Amino acid sequence: MLAPALALVMLLAGCAKQVPVEPPAGPPVVAEAPPPVPGPPGVWVPGHYEWWRGRHVWVPGHWIAARPDRTWVPGHWERTPRGWRWVRGHWVRVLRPPPPPP
């Protein structure tokens, strides 16, 4: 008795409309020329689209202060099994090789 009920549930689940959990990838990136660096050192964070209130919203690029021993990784859209997701820009530590022995 359980097997037919389970088969029916699986059949109906397969017919259900797949609704993406995450938004689709953003529209093409807007070309921006960075303004002059306001004060050294600086890192340009490119503009990008973010998903906000059910739509893509353009966030303009801007300068941020550089951080020693860090590299800026720009934000980007990433495809996942559940749809697209925005990965925010972030700093990563730069691993420097040890100095050579004397």
C-alpha atoms as a PDB file:
ATOM      1  CA  MET A   1       0.000   0.000   0.000  1.00  0.00           C
ATOM      2  CA  LEU A   2       2.871   2.361   0.765  1.00  0.00           C
ATOM      3  CA  ALA A   3       4.577   1.746  -2.596  1.00  0.00           C
ATOM      4  CA  PRO A   4       1.699   3.122  -4.774  1.00  0.00           C
ATOM      5  CA  ALA A   5       1.375   6.210  -2.560  1.00  0.00           C
ATOM      6  CA  LEU A   6       5.124   6.816  -2.752  1.00  0.00           C
ATOM      7  CA  ALA A   7       5.060   6.399  -6.541  1.00  0.00           C
ATOM      8  CA  LEU A   8       2.209   8.933  -6.795  1.00  0.00           C
ATOM      9  CA  VAL A   9       4.110  11.483  -4.657  1.00  0.00           C
ATOM     10  CA  MET A  10       7.234  11.059  -6.784  1.00  0.00           C
ATOM     11  CA  LEU A  11       5.205  11.442  -9.987  1.00  0.00           C
ATOM     12  CA  LEU A  12       3.527  14.628  -8.767  1.00  0.00           C
ATOM     13  CA  ALA A  13       6.840  16.027  -7.533  1.00  0.00           C
ATOM     14  CA  GLY A  14       8.289  15.531 -11.010  1.00  0.00           C
ATOM     15  CA  CYS A  15       5.396  17.510 -12.519  1.00  0.00           C
ATOM     16  CA  ALA A  16       5.807  20.465 -10.163  1.00  0.00           C
ATOM     17  CA  LYS A  17       7.149  23.641 -11.703  1.00  0.00           C
ATOM     18  CA  GLN A  18      10.786  24.245 -10.786  1.00  0.00           C
ATOM     19  CA  VAL A  19      11.079  27.691  -9.219  1.00  0.00           C
ATOM     20  CA  PRO A  20      14.621  29.055  -8.992  1.00  0.00           C
ATOM     21  CA  VAL A  21      15.603  29.858  -5.442  1.00  0.00           C
ATOM     22  CA  GLU A  22      18.120  32.433  -6.582  1.00  0.00           C
ATOM     23  CA  PRO A  23      17.768  35.144  -9.245  1.00  0.00           C
ATOM     24  CA  PRO A  24      18.998  34.700 -12.796  1.00  0.00           C
ATOM     25  CA  ALA A  25      22.411  36.064 -13.698  1.00  0.00           C
ATOM     26  CA  GLY A  26      22.516  39.825 -14.034  1.00  0.00           C
ATOM     27  CA  PRO A  27      22.295  41.820 -17.258  1.00  0.00           C
ATOM     28  CA  PRO A  28      25.510  42.742 -19.084  1.00  0.00           C
ATOM     29  CA  VAL A  29      27.881  44.819 -16.978  1.00  0.00           C
ATOM     30  CA  VAL A  30      27.809  48.581 -17.531  1.00  0.00           C
ATOM     31  CA  ALA A  31      31.144  49.904 -18.813  1.00  0.00           C
ATOM     32  CA  GLU A  32      32.627  52.287 -16.239  1.00  0.00           C
ATOM     33  CA  ALA A  33      35.850  54.233 -16.380  1.00  0.00           C
ATOM     34  CA  PRO A  34      37.250  54.562 -12.861  1.00  0.00           C
ATOM     35  CA  PRO A  35      37.711  58.140 -11.696  1.00  0.00           C
ATOM     36  CA  PRO A  36      41.156  59.181 -10.443  1.00  0.00           C
ATOM     37  CA  VAL A  37      42.293  57.487  -7.249  1.00  0.00           C
ATOM     38  CA  PRO A  38      41.230  59.726  -4.342  1.00  0.00           C
ATOM     39  CA  GLY A  39      44.313  58.827  -2.318  1.00  0.00           C
ATOM     40  CA  PRO A  40      46.953  56.154  -2.665  1.00  0.00           C
ATOM     41  CA  PRO A  41      46.908  53.302  -2.317  1.00  0.00           C
ATOM     42  CA  GLY A  42      43.518  52.355  -3.628  1.00  0.00           C
ATOM     43  CA  VAL A  43      41.744  49.419  -5.264  1.00  0.00           C
ATOM     44  CA  TRP A  44      38.953  49.928  -7.789  1.00  0.00           C
ATOM     45  CA  VAL A  45      35.874  47.812  -7.042  1.00  0.00           C
ATOM     46  CA  PRO A  46      34.029  47.447 -10.362  1.00  0.00           C
ATOM     47  CA  GLY A  47      30.317  48.163 -10.577  1.00  0.00           C
ATOM     48  CA  HIS A  48      27.989  45.180 -10.573  1.00  0.00           C
ATOM     49  CA  TYR A  49      24.360  44.093 -10.448  1.00  0.00           C
ATOM     50  CA  GLU A  50      22.872  42.852  -7.190  1.00  0.00           C
ATOM     51  CA  TRP A  51      19.495  41.205  -6.701  1.00  0.00           C
ATOM     52  CA  TRP A  52      17.302  43.538  -4.628  1.00  0.00           C
ATOM     53  CA  ARG A  53      13.549  43.346  -4.110  1.00  0.00           C
ATOM     54  CA  GLY A  54      12.991  41.023  -7.039  1.00  0.00           C
ATOM     55  CA  ARG A  55      15.083  42.837  -9.634  1.00  0.00           C
ATOM     56  CA  HIS A  56      18.659  43.535 -10.664  1.00  0.00           C
ATOM     57  CA  VAL A  57      19.995  46.851  -9.381  1.00  0.00           C
ATOM     58  CA  TRP A  58      23.235  48.422 -10.643  1.00  0.00           C
ATOM     59  CA  VAL A  59      25.739  49.230  -7.888  1.00  0.00           C
ATOM     60  CA  PRO A  60      28.337  51.694  -9.258  1.00  0.00           C
ATOM     61  CA  GLY A  61      32.036  51.045  -8.900  1.00  0.00           C
ATOM     62  CA  HIS A  62      34.033  52.779  -6.189  1.00  0.00           C
ATOM     63  CA  TRP A  63      37.483  53.033  -4.669  1.00  0.00           C
ATOM     64  CA  ILE A  64      38.441  51.287  -1.432  1.00  0.00           C
ATOM     65  CA  ALA A  65      41.642  51.544   0.564  1.00  0.00           C
ATOM     66  CA  ALA A  66      44.201  48.865  -0.248  1.00  0.00           C
ATOM     67  CA  ARG A  67      45.132  46.428   2.494  1.00  0.00           C
ATOM     68  CA  PRO A  68      48.691  45.178   2.982  1.00  0.00           C
ATOM     69  CA  ASP A  69      49.213  41.499   2.177  1.00  0.00           C
ATOM     70  CA  ARG A  70      45.683  41.248   0.711  1.00  0.00           C
ATOM     71  CA  THR A  71      44.303  41.036  -2.810  1.00  0.00           C
ATOM     72  CA  TRP A  72      40.782  42.141  -3.748  1.00  0.00           C
ATOM     73  CA  VAL A  73      38.634  39.486  -5.441  1.00  0.00           C
ATOM     74  CA  PRO A  74      35.764  41.243  -7.267  1.00  0.00           C
ATOM     75  CA  GLY A  75      32.202  40.106  -6.697  1.00  0.00           C
ATOM     76  CA  HIS A  76      30.739  37.811  -9.311  1.00  0.00           C
ATOM     77  CA  TRP A  77      27.686  35.712 -10.146  1.00  0.00           C
ATOM     78  CA  GLU A  78      28.161  32.004  -9.541  1.00  0.00           C
ATOM     79  CA  ARG A  79      26.021  29.184 -10.940  1.00  0.00           C
ATOM     80  CA  THR A  80      24.908  26.675  -8.319  1.00  0.00           C
ATOM     81  CA  PRO A  81      22.653  23.620  -8.543  1.00  0.00           C
ATOM     82  CA  ARG A  82      19.859  25.797  -7.059  1.00  0.00           C
ATOM     83  CA  GLY A  83      20.333  28.736  -9.457  1.00  0.00           C
ATOM     84  CA  TRP A  84      22.546  31.807  -9.533  1.00  0.00           C
ATOM     85  CA  ARG A  85      23.958  33.520  -6.457  1.00  0.00           C
ATOM     86  CA  TRP A  86      25.949  36.702  -5.996  1.00  0.00           C
ATOM     87  CA  VAL A  87      29.346  36.231  -4.349  1.00  0.00           C
ATOM     88  CA  ARG A  88      30.346  39.548  -2.803  1.00  0.00           C
ATOM     89  CA  GLY A  89      33.810  40.949  -3.398  1.00  0.00           C
ATOM     90  CA  HIS A  90      36.261  40.133  -0.643  1.00  0.00           C
ATOM     91  CA  TRP A  91      39.871  40.292   0.418  1.00  0.00           C
ATOM     92  CA  VAL A  92      42.145  37.244   0.344  1.00  0.00           C
ATOM     93  CA  ARG A  93      45.479  36.959   2.059  1.00  0.00           C
ATOM     94  CA  VAL A  94      48.486  36.944  -0.249  1.00  0.00           C
ATOM     95  CA  LEU A  95      50.787  34.138   0.754  1.00  0.00           C
ATOM     96  CA  ARG A  96      54.361  35.188   0.316  1.00  0.00           C
ATOM     97  CA  PRO A  97      57.105  32.598   0.032  1.00  0.00           C
ATOM     98  CA  PRO A  98      59.509  32.482   2.960  1.00  0.00           C
ATOM     99  CA  PRO A  99      62.782  34.336   2.463  1.00  0.00           C
ATOM    100  CA  PRO A 100      65.670  32.246   1.150  1.00  0.00           C
ATOM    101  CA  PRO A 101      68.055  30.889   3.792  1.00  0.00           C
ATOM    102  CA  PRO A 102      71.171  32.988   4.453  1.00  0.00           C
END
